[in-house]
Amino acid sequence: MMQLTINGQTQNFDGAVNVSQLIEHLSLQGKRIAIERNGVIVPRSQYTEQKLVDGDQLEVVVAVGGG
């Protein structure tokens, strides 16, 4: 069991996940987002390689367009 804090909310996962899998879990695929892991922005090019570990603190920001 792995515990992550996402935007201040604790979520549990059965096994290891990477950032791409987290995006899919949150139903955010295809959206313009930025992800910060433990205070550091994760580059989009590293989403599949970036393995999350128990206790990680994540902030997920979804870009909203408008005028």
Protein backbone atom coordinates (compact mmCIF):
# COMPACT_ATOMS: atom_id res chain seq x y z
CA MET A 1 0.00 0.00 0.00
CA MET A 2 1.33 3.41 -0.98
CA GLN A 3 0.01 6.71 0.36
CA LEU A 4 0.28 9.96 -1.62
CA THR A 5 -0.93 13.43 -0.73
CA ILE A 6 -2.47 15.06 -3.80
CA ASN A 7 -3.52 18.71 -3.51
CA GLY A 8 -3.74 18.27 0.26
CA GLN A 9 -5.85 15.09 0.11
CA THR A 10 -4.45 11.69 1.09
CA GLN A 11 -4.99 8.89 -1.43
CA ASN A 12 -3.97 5.25 -1.16
CA PHE A 13 -2.71 3.10 -4.03
CA ASP A 14 -2.33 -0.69 -4.08
CA GLY A 15 1.06 -0.64 -5.76
CA ALA A 16 3.72 1.54 -7.30
CA VAL A 17 2.62 4.16 -9.83
CA ASN A 18 4.41 6.62 -12.04
CA VAL A 19 3.22 10.14 -12.87
CA SER A 20 1.56 9.00 -16.14
CA GLN A 21 -0.46 6.38 -14.27
CA LEU A 22 -1.45 8.97 -11.67
CA ILE A 23 -2.72 11.29 -14.42
CA GLU A 24 -4.81 8.44 -15.81
CA HIS A 25 -6.11 7.58 -12.32
CA LEU A 26 -7.18 11.21 -11.86
CA SER A 27 -8.82 11.25 -15.34
CA LEU A 28 -6.64 14.15 -16.46
CA GLN A 29 -5.16 12.66 -19.63
CA GLY A 30 -5.29 15.10 -22.54
CA LYS A 31 -5.59 18.14 -20.27
CA ARG A 32 -2.99 20.87 -19.84
CA ILE A 33 -1.56 20.22 -16.39
CA ALA A 34 1.50 20.86 -14.28
CA ILE A 35 2.62 18.48 -11.55
CA GLU A 36 4.85 19.34 -8.62
CA ARG A 37 6.37 16.48 -6.63
CA ASN A 38 7.82 17.35 -3.22
CA GLY A 39 8.29 20.98 -4.27
CA VAL A 40 9.86 20.26 -7.69
CA ILE A 41 8.06 20.55 -11.04
CA VAL A 42 8.06 17.25 -12.95
CA PRO A 43 8.87 17.81 -16.64
CA ARG A 44 6.28 16.28 -18.98
CA SER A 45 9.08 14.29 -20.66
CA GLN A 46 9.66 12.43 -17.36
CA TYR A 47 6.05 11.46 -16.56
CA THR A 48 6.55 7.78 -17.47
CA GLU A 49 9.97 7.47 -15.81
CA GLN A 50 9.08 9.35 -12.60
CA LYS A 51 8.12 6.66 -10.05
CA LEU A 52 6.17 7.90 -7.07
CA VAL A 53 7.01 6.64 -3.58
CA ASP A 54 5.09 6.35 -0.34
CA GLY A 55 4.70 9.75 1.32
CA ASP A 56 5.17 11.89 -1.80
CA GLN A 57 3.46 15.30 -1.69
CA LEU A 58 1.97 16.26 -5.06
CA GLU A 59 0.31 19.39 -6.36
CA VAL A 60 -1.62 19.03 -9.60
CA VAL A 61 -2.65 22.21 -11.41
CA VAL A 62 -5.00 22.13 -14.38
CA ALA A 63 -4.71 25.06 -16.80
CA VAL A 64 -8.03 26.75 -17.51
CA GLY A 65 -8.51 28.88 -20.60
CA GLY A 66 -10.93 31.72 -20.86
CA GLY A 67 -11.30 35.33 -21.53
